[in-house]
Amino acid sequence: MSAIYSLSEVEKHNVKGDLWLVIEGKVYNVTTFAADTEEKVVEQQEELKQEPRTEGPINDTDPMRLRMEAFVKGLQNRIVNDIEQIDGKQFTRTAWERAEGGEGITCVLQDGNVFEKAGVGISIVYGQLPKAAVEQMRHNRGKDISADGPVPFFAAGISLVIHPHNPNAPTVHLNYRYFEIENPDGTPKMWWFGGGSDLTPSYLFEEDAIHFHQVLKDGCDKYDKKYYGQFKQWCDKYFFIKHRGEARGLGGIFFDDLDDKPADEIFNFIKEMGNRFSLSYIPIVKKRMNMKFTPEMKEWQQIRRGRYVEFNLVWDRGTKFGLETPGARIEAILMSLPLTSRWEYMKEVEEGSREQDLEEVLKNPRDWIPLD
């Protein structure tokens, strides 16, 4: 389903019950959901596995918003299929619509054989930015956006978080997104990409950290030799739980407001990194998912997941933006939270323990592979 990006630029036609849009001279088919309701959530186990439907294939001459939408939908399907093959249980796929403009697909697997909870969600939303979001962009991101009147926007992205059962297997996070502020005629006034991927273990296996970072670096180096070093440091700084004085995990890469190169070049970089997810994570989880563990190790995992929750609810900008966006689907925004977590008063770890090894790395981030 393709979104309505600017009402001033599209021509609507009702054809056999479908909604068709003309955007920049091209016609796109938009399948309508329950026009008599503001929002309808529909279970579509098979239909949602299809690629986005348009009059023709998306190509390099189409608007970036359509190209990003097609990419995140395809990537979501591939990642979900990879995780299902490991777990043996299928995701629940839920399509949703935002009354103010937009749609999304949330795929969640809970209480699986390997994964306690895995969520892979995409969203394609548009409309008017609320004043709180505009102010946040102006002050936190330095964006030259007027807050005096309506600010039309478009955003498309994919986000995933996977929490395995086994404490030896790490949690992983990925997010890649495209954001656009529109001119009155519907053309992009301002655009940027953001995203990254990071690893959060409960127990430290240095070879896992090295593998994960190497896969990311190899992808970055294809586009800019400086990217990995810059984005790795940015990740260490961003995913830091300030009130705890420690990192959320072992890092990876993180970047935001990326617009210093042609959009096509950055988009190709986004695709490269998104397509590297399975290579970066699947070998690690396969190696760790059947390892033996004790009840004490499971308890420690729950404490570490509590720290994960703290970061996401207190510090994460994406969560804050989502909660401030009118009509946002809260279930999708909070999909990243683990199914279970734990807080203990004044929890201390034993000297020389594996738990202490992890804490040391979280308080003093390492360079897992050499920086160029």
Protein backbone atom coordinates (compact mmCIF):
# COMPACT_ATOMS: atom_id res chain seq x y z
CA MET A 1 0.00 0.00 0.00
CA SER A 2 1.51 3.32 -1.09
CA ALA A 3 0.88 6.37 1.05
CA ILE A 4 -0.76 9.68 0.09
CA TYR A 5 2.21 12.01 0.27
CA SER A 6 0.81 15.45 -0.56
CA LEU A 7 -2.86 16.08 -1.11
CA SER A 8 -2.04 19.05 -3.32
CA GLU A 9 -0.08 16.82 -5.69
CA VAL A 10 -2.24 13.74 -6.03
CA GLU A 11 -5.35 13.04 -8.04
CA LYS A 12 -7.74 10.48 -6.58
CA HIS A 13 -9.70 7.98 -8.65
CA ASN A 14 -11.99 5.27 -7.33
CA VAL A 15 -11.49 2.22 -9.54
CA LYS A 16 -13.18 -1.04 -8.62
CA GLY A 17 -13.08 -0.22 -4.94
CA ASP A 18 -9.38 0.66 -4.92
CA LEU A 19 -7.78 4.06 -4.39
CA TRP A 20 -5.39 5.16 -7.12
CA LEU A 21 -2.93 8.05 -6.81
CA VAL A 22 -1.07 10.07 -9.42
CA ILE A 23 2.31 11.15 -8.04
CA GLU A 24 4.81 12.95 -10.26
CA GLY A 25 3.02 11.65 -13.32
CA LYS A 26 2.90 8.00 -12.24
CA VAL A 27 -0.13 6.06 -11.07
CA TYR A 28 0.06 3.93 -7.93
CA ASN A 29 -2.54 1.55 -6.51
CA VAL A 30 -3.45 1.89 -2.85
CA THR A 31 -5.60 -0.90 -1.37
CA THR A 32 -8.09 0.66 1.01
CA PHE A 33 -8.91 -0.70 4.44
CA ALA A 34 -12.35 -0.18 6.04
CA ALA A 35 -13.14 3.38 4.94
CA ASP A 36 -15.83 3.69 7.61
CA THR A 37 -13.32 3.40 10.47
CA GLU A 38 -10.39 5.57 11.47
CA GLU A 39 -8.12 2.59 12.07
CA LYS A 40 -8.47 -1.09 11.38
CA VAL A 41 -6.01 -3.77 12.42
CA VAL A 42 -6.14 -6.78 10.14
CA GLU A 43 -4.44 -10.14 10.54
CA GLN A 44 -3.03 -11.06 7.12
CA GLN A 45 -0.69 -14.00 7.55
CA GLU A 46 -0.24 -14.69 3.84
CA GLU A 47 -1.14 -11.45 2.08
CA LEU A 48 1.36 -9.42 4.08
CA LYS A 49 4.21 -11.56 2.78
CA GLN A 50 3.80 -10.00 -0.66
CA GLU A 51 5.97 -7.15 -1.93
CA PRO A 52 4.41 -3.64 -2.07
CA ARG A 53 1.86 -3.38 -4.87
CA THR A 54 2.08 -0.63 -7.48
CA GLU A 55 1.20 -0.27 -11.14
CA GLY A 56 4.77 -1.24 -12.00
CA PRO A 57 8.02 -2.07 -10.27
CA ILE A 58 9.71 0.61 -8.18
CA ASN A 59 12.89 1.84 -9.88
CA ASP A 60 15.68 4.36 -9.36
CA THR A 61 13.70 7.21 -10.94
CA ASP A 62 10.79 6.95 -8.50
CA PRO A 63 10.49 9.29 -5.49
CA MET A 64 12.75 8.31 -2.61
CA ARG A 65 9.73 7.83 -0.35
CA LEU A 66 8.43 5.03 -2.59
CA ARG A 67 11.84 3.42 -2.91
CA MET A 68 12.38 3.43 0.85
CA GLU A 69 8.90 2.01 1.41
CA ALA A 70 9.57 -0.84 -1.00
CA PHE A 71 12.94 -1.57 0.60
CA VAL A 72 11.74 -1.77 4.20
CA LYS A 73 8.83 -4.02 3.24
CA GLY A 74 11.11 -6.42 1.42
CA LEU A 75 13.72 -6.39 4.19
CA GLN A 76 11.07 -7.07 6.82
CA ASN A 77 9.89 -10.17 4.95
CA ARG A 78 13.42 -11.52 4.54
CA ILE A 79 14.37 -11.03 8.19
CA VAL A 80 11.11 -12.51 9.46
CA ASN A 81 11.64 -15.57 7.28
CA ASP A 82 15.21 -15.99 8.56
CA ILE A 83 14.11 -15.82 12.20
CA GLU A 84 11.20 -18.22 11.61
CA GLN A 85 13.57 -20.79 10.14
CA ILE A 86 15.65 -20.73 13.33
CA ASP A 87 12.78 -20.68 15.80
CA GLY A 88 10.28 -22.97 14.12
CA LYS A 89 7.41 -20.73 15.19
CA GLN A 90 5.76 -18.13 12.97
CA PHE A 91 5.42 -14.42 13.61
CA THR A 92 2.04 -12.81 14.08
CA ARG A 93 1.73 -10.23 11.30
CA THR A 94 -0.53 -7.28 11.96
CA ALA A 95 -1.30 -4.51 9.47
CA TRP A 96 -2.40 -1.18 10.87
CA GLU A 97 -3.45 2.21 9.59
CA ARG A 98 -2.89 5.62 11.12
CA ALA A 99 -5.97 7.82 10.88
CA GLU A 100 -3.84 10.94 10.42
CA GLY A 101 -2.01 9.32 7.50
CA GLY A 102 0.06 6.23 6.99
CA GLU A 103 0.31 2.53 7.62
CA GLY A 104 2.57 -0.14 9.00
CA ILE A 105 3.11 -3.84 9.51
CA THR A 106 4.13 -5.18 12.91
CA CYS A 107 5.52 -8.71 13.07
CA VAL A 108 5.94 -10.19 16.55
CA LEU A 109 7.00 -13.62 17.78
CA GLN A 110 6.49 -14.31 21.49
CA ASP A 111 7.34 -17.37 23.59
CA GLY A 112 9.06 -19.08 20.71
CA ASN A 113 11.42 -22.03 20.86
CA VAL A 114 14.56 -19.90 20.59
CA PHE A 115 13.32 -16.35 21.03
CA GLU A 116 11.43 -15.05 24.01
CA LYS A 117 10.33 -12.08 21.94
CA ALA A 118 11.21 -10.85 18.48
CA GLY A 119 9.65 -7.83 16.83
CA VAL A 120 10.20 -6.58 13.28
CA GLY A 121 8.11 -3.55 12.40
CA ILE A 122 7.84 -1.13 9.51
CA SER A 123 5.98 2.16 9.38
CA ILE A 124 5.20 4.55 6.55
CA VAL A 125 3.60 7.65 8.03
CA TYR A 126 2.85 11.16 6.83
CA GLY A 127 0.83 14.18 7.83
CA GLN A 128 1.49 17.25 9.95
CA LEU A 129 4.25 17.31 12.54
CA PRO A 130 2.96 18.14 16.03
CA LYS A 131 4.48 21.21 17.64
CA ALA A 132 6.33 19.14 20.26
CA ALA A 133 8.07 17.13 17.54
CA VAL A 134 8.99 20.29 15.62
CA GLU A 135 10.50 21.83 18.75
CA GLN A 136 12.46 18.65 19.42
CA MET A 137 13.92 18.69 15.92
CA ARG A 138 14.84 22.36 16.17
CA HIS A 139 16.53 22.12 19.55
CA ASN A 140 17.98 18.60 19.54
CA ARG A 141 18.87 18.28 15.87
CA GLY A 142 19.43 21.88 14.79
CA LYS A 143 16.83 21.65 12.06
CA ASP A 144 15.72 24.95 10.53
CA ILE A 145 12.02 24.17 10.71
CA SER A 146 9.36 26.80 11.31
CA ALA A 147 7.01 26.02 14.16
CA ASP A 148 4.57 28.80 13.25
CA GLY A 149 2.36 26.73 10.96
CA PRO A 150 1.66 23.19 9.78
CA VAL A 151 4.78 21.20 8.90
CA PRO A 152 4.00 18.36 6.46
CA PHE A 153 6.27 15.34 6.80
CA PHE A 154 6.86 11.82 5.54
CA ALA A 155 8.76 9.05 7.31
CA ALA A 156 9.48 5.43 6.44
CA GLY A 157 11.53 2.99 8.43
CA ILE A 158 12.15 -0.49 9.74
CA SER A 159 12.93 -1.34 13.34
CA LEU A 160 13.62 -4.65 15.02
CA VAL A 161 14.62 -5.97 18.41
CA ILE A 162 15.19 -9.67 19.13
CA HIS A 163 15.45 -11.11 22.66
CA PRO A 164 16.51 -14.80 22.81
CA HIS A 165 15.63 -17.17 25.66
CA ASN A 166 19.20 -18.31 26.27
CA PRO A 167 21.27 -15.83 28.36
CA ASN A 168 24.32 -16.75 26.27
CA ALA A 169 22.64 -15.42 23.11
CA PRO A 170 22.61 -11.62 22.76
CA THR A 171 19.77 -9.22 22.10
CA VAL A 172 20.09 -7.34 18.82
CA HIS A 173 18.59 -4.08 17.56
CA LEU A 174 18.35 -2.61 14.08
CA ASN A 175 16.72 0.53 12.73
CA TYR A 176 16.95 2.26 9.36
CA ARG A 177 14.74 5.21 8.43
CA TYR A 178 14.13 8.05 5.98
CA PHE A 179 12.54 11.36 6.96
CA GLU A 180 11.30 14.15 4.75
CA ILE A 181 9.88 17.63 5.35
CA GLU A 182 7.71 18.80 2.46
CA ASN A 183 7.33 22.06 0.59
CA PRO A 184 3.77 23.26 -0.08
CA ASP A 185 3.94 21.67 -3.56
CA GLY A 186 4.82 18.26 -2.12
CA THR A 187 8.50 18.22 -3.09
CA PRO A 188 11.10 17.52 -0.41
CA LYS A 189 12.23 20.65 1.43
CA MET A 190 14.53 18.79 3.76
CA TRP A 191 15.45 15.10 3.99
CA TRP A 192 17.78 12.82 5.91
CA PHE A 193 18.50 9.19 6.71
CA GLY A 194 19.28 7.59 10.04
CA GLY A 195 19.75 4.21 11.60
CA GLY A 196 22.17 1.61 12.81
CA SER A 197 22.48 -1.76 14.48
CA ASP A 198 23.87 -2.80 17.86
CA LEU A 199 24.43 -5.88 20.01
CA THR A 200 23.41 -6.24 23.67
CA PRO A 201 24.60 -9.45 25.37
CA SER A 202 24.07 -10.59 28.94
CA TYR A 203 27.35 -12.51 28.84
CA LEU A 204 30.46 -11.44 27.00
CA PHE A 205 31.85 -13.50 24.11
CA GLU A 206 34.54 -11.40 22.50
CA GLU A 207 34.46 -13.37 19.25
CA ASP A 208 30.77 -12.49 18.85
CA ALA A 209 31.48 -8.79 19.27
CA ILE A 210 34.33 -8.97 16.76
CA HIS A 211 32.18 -10.79 14.19
CA PHE A 212 29.27 -8.37 14.58
CA HIS A 213 31.44 -5.27 14.24
CA GLN A 214 33.45 -6.70 11.33
CA VAL A 215 30.32 -7.33 9.28
CA LEU A 216 29.21 -3.75 9.89
CA LYS A 217 32.63 -2.32 9.07
CA ASP A 218 32.85 -4.27 5.82
CA GLY A 219 29.54 -2.74 4.73
CA CYS A 220 30.52 0.77 5.77
CA ASP A 221 33.86 0.55 3.96
CA LYS A 222 32.11 -0.01 0.64
CA TYR A 223 30.77 3.53 0.81
CA ASP A 224 33.10 5.55 3.01
CA LYS A 225 36.19 4.38 4.91
CA LYS A 226 35.40 6.93 7.62
CA TYR A 227 31.86 5.73 8.26
CA TYR A 228 32.56 2.82 10.60
CA GLY A 229 34.83 4.72 12.97
CA GLN A 230 32.49 7.71 13.09
CA PHE A 231 29.31 5.69 13.46
CA LYS A 232 30.82 3.29 16.00
CA GLN A 233 31.76 6.20 18.27
CA TRP A 234 28.33 7.74 17.73
CA CYS A 235 26.73 4.44 18.74
CA ASP A 236 28.81 4.22 21.94
CA LYS A 237 27.75 7.76 22.82
CA TYR A 238 24.07 7.42 21.93
CA PHE A 239 23.30 4.05 23.53
CA PHE A 240 24.58 5.14 26.92
CA ILE A 241 22.39 4.90 30.02
CA LYS A 242 23.37 8.17 31.66
CA HIS A 243 21.75 7.55 35.02
CA ARG A 244 23.60 4.19 35.26
CA GLY A 245 26.93 5.36 33.88
CA GLU A 246 27.14 2.44 31.46
CA ALA A 247 26.46 1.53 27.85
CA ARG A 248 23.36 -0.44 26.90
CA GLY A 249 25.47 -3.04 25.11
CA LEU A 250 28.58 -3.64 23.00
CA GLY A 251 27.64 -1.08 20.38
CA GLY A 252 27.70 -1.33 16.63
CA ILE A 253 26.95 1.66 14.43
CA PHE A 254 24.53 4.55 14.80
CA PHE A 255 23.96 7.68 12.72
CA ASP A 256 21.28 10.29 12.26
CA ASP A 257 20.57 13.32 10.08
CA LEU A 258 22.70 11.84 7.30
CA ASP A 259 22.30 14.13 4.28
CA ASP A 260 25.83 15.15 3.29
CA LYS A 261 25.90 13.07 0.10
CA PRO A 262 23.42 12.55 -2.74
CA ALA A 263 20.27 10.82 -1.56
CA ASP A 264 20.78 7.92 -3.99
CA GLU A 265 24.23 7.20 -2.57
CA ILE A 266 23.04 7.24 1.04
CA PHE A 267 20.04 5.09 0.14
CA ASN A 268 22.36 2.47 -1.37
CA PHE A 269 24.37 2.54 1.86
CA ILE A 270 21.17 2.03 3.88
CA LYS A 271 20.26 -0.97 1.73
CA GLU A 272 23.73 -2.45 2.12
CA MET A 273 23.62 -2.23 5.91
CA GLY A 274 20.05 -3.47 6.20
CA ASN A 275 20.81 -6.48 4.02
CA ARG A 276 23.77 -7.34 6.27
CA PHE A 277 21.60 -8.00 9.32
CA SER A 278 21.30 -11.76 8.93
CA LEU A 279 25.03 -12.12 8.27
CA SER A 280 25.86 -10.11 11.39
CA TYR A 281 23.47 -11.83 13.83
CA ILE A 282 22.28 -15.26 12.67
CA PRO A 283 25.68 -17.02 13.06
CA ILE A 284 25.96 -15.70 16.62
CA VAL A 285 22.53 -16.83 17.76
CA LYS A 286 22.97 -20.25 16.14
CA LYS A 287 26.20 -20.70 18.08
CA ARG A 288 24.70 -19.68 21.45
CA MET A 289 21.04 -20.69 21.43
CA ASN A 290 21.57 -24.26 22.69
CA MET A 291 24.29 -23.59 25.26
CA LYS A 292 23.64 -24.70 28.84
CA PHE A 293 22.80 -22.05 31.43
CA THR A 294 21.87 -21.85 35.11
CA PRO A 295 18.92 -20.18 36.86
CA GLU A 296 21.39 -17.58 38.13
CA MET A 297 22.39 -16.75 34.55
CA LYS A 298 18.74 -16.36 33.59
CA GLU A 299 18.24 -14.01 36.52
CA TRP A 300 21.19 -11.89 35.39
CA GLN A 301 19.74 -11.76 31.89
CA GLN A 302 16.51 -10.35 33.32
CA ILE A 303 18.41 -7.66 35.20
CA ARG A 304 20.25 -6.66 32.02
CA ARG A 305 16.94 -6.49 30.19
CA GLY A 306 15.72 -4.11 32.85
CA ARG A 307 18.55 -1.78 31.83
CA TYR A 308 17.41 -2.16 28.23
CA VAL A 309 13.94 -1.01 29.24
CA GLU A 310 15.38 1.96 31.14
CA PHE A 311 17.25 3.23 28.10
CA ASN A 312 14.36 2.81 25.69
CA LEU A 313 11.81 4.58 27.87
CA VAL A 314 14.04 7.32 29.29
CA TRP A 315 16.63 8.21 26.64
CA ASP A 316 15.69 6.89 23.20
CA ARG A 317 14.72 9.72 20.84
CA GLY A 318 12.75 7.46 18.52
CA THR A 319 10.52 6.25 21.33
CA LYS A 320 9.91 9.82 22.48
CA PHE A 321 9.07 10.97 18.94
CA GLY A 322 6.65 8.08 18.48
CA LEU A 323 4.85 8.71 21.74
CA GLU A 324 4.45 12.40 20.81
CA THR A 325 3.06 11.69 17.33
CA PRO A 326 -0.76 11.87 17.15
CA GLY A 327 -2.34 8.59 16.11
CA ALA A 328 0.84 6.59 16.62
CA ARG A 329 0.34 2.91 17.37
CA ILE A 330 1.66 2.42 20.90
CA GLU A 331 1.94 -1.37 20.54
CA ALA A 332 4.32 -0.88 17.62
CA ILE A 333 6.37 1.77 19.42
CA LEU A 334 6.84 -0.42 22.49
CA MET A 335 7.49 -3.56 20.46
CA SER A 336 11.18 -3.32 21.39
CA LEU A 337 10.61 -4.00 25.07
CA PRO A 338 11.46 -7.51 26.31
CA LEU A 339 8.70 -9.86 27.37
CA THR A 340 10.23 -10.15 30.85
CA SER A 341 12.71 -8.11 32.90
CA ARG A 342 13.82 -7.68 36.48
CA TRP A 343 14.96 -5.02 38.92
CA GLU A 344 16.79 -5.87 42.14
CA TYR A 345 17.65 -3.38 44.84
CA MET A 346 21.41 -2.72 45.11
CA LYS A 347 22.41 -5.67 42.94
CA GLU A 348 26.13 -6.42 43.25
CA VAL A 349 28.19 -8.76 41.06
CA GLU A 350 30.94 -11.03 42.31
CA GLU A 351 34.57 -10.07 41.85
CA GLY A 352 36.10 -11.89 38.88
CA SER A 353 32.74 -13.20 37.63
CA ARG A 354 31.48 -13.22 34.05
CA GLU A 355 28.89 -10.67 35.10
CA GLN A 356 31.68 -8.35 36.19
CA ASP A 357 33.46 -8.91 32.86
CA LEU A 358 30.39 -7.58 31.08
CA GLU A 359 29.99 -4.62 33.41
CA GLU A 360 33.60 -3.61 32.83
CA VAL A 361 33.08 -3.48 29.07
CA LEU A 362 29.82 -1.56 29.44
CA LYS A 363 31.51 1.09 31.56
CA ASN A 364 34.57 1.26 29.28
CA PRO A 365 33.57 0.66 25.63
CA ARG A 366 36.17 -1.09 23.47
CA ASP A 367 37.20 -0.89 19.85
CA TRP A 368 36.47 -4.49 18.88
CA ILE A 369 38.25 -4.25 15.55
CA PRO A 370 41.02 -1.88 14.39
CA LEU A 371 39.84 1.53 13.21
CA ASP A 372 41.30 2.77 9.92
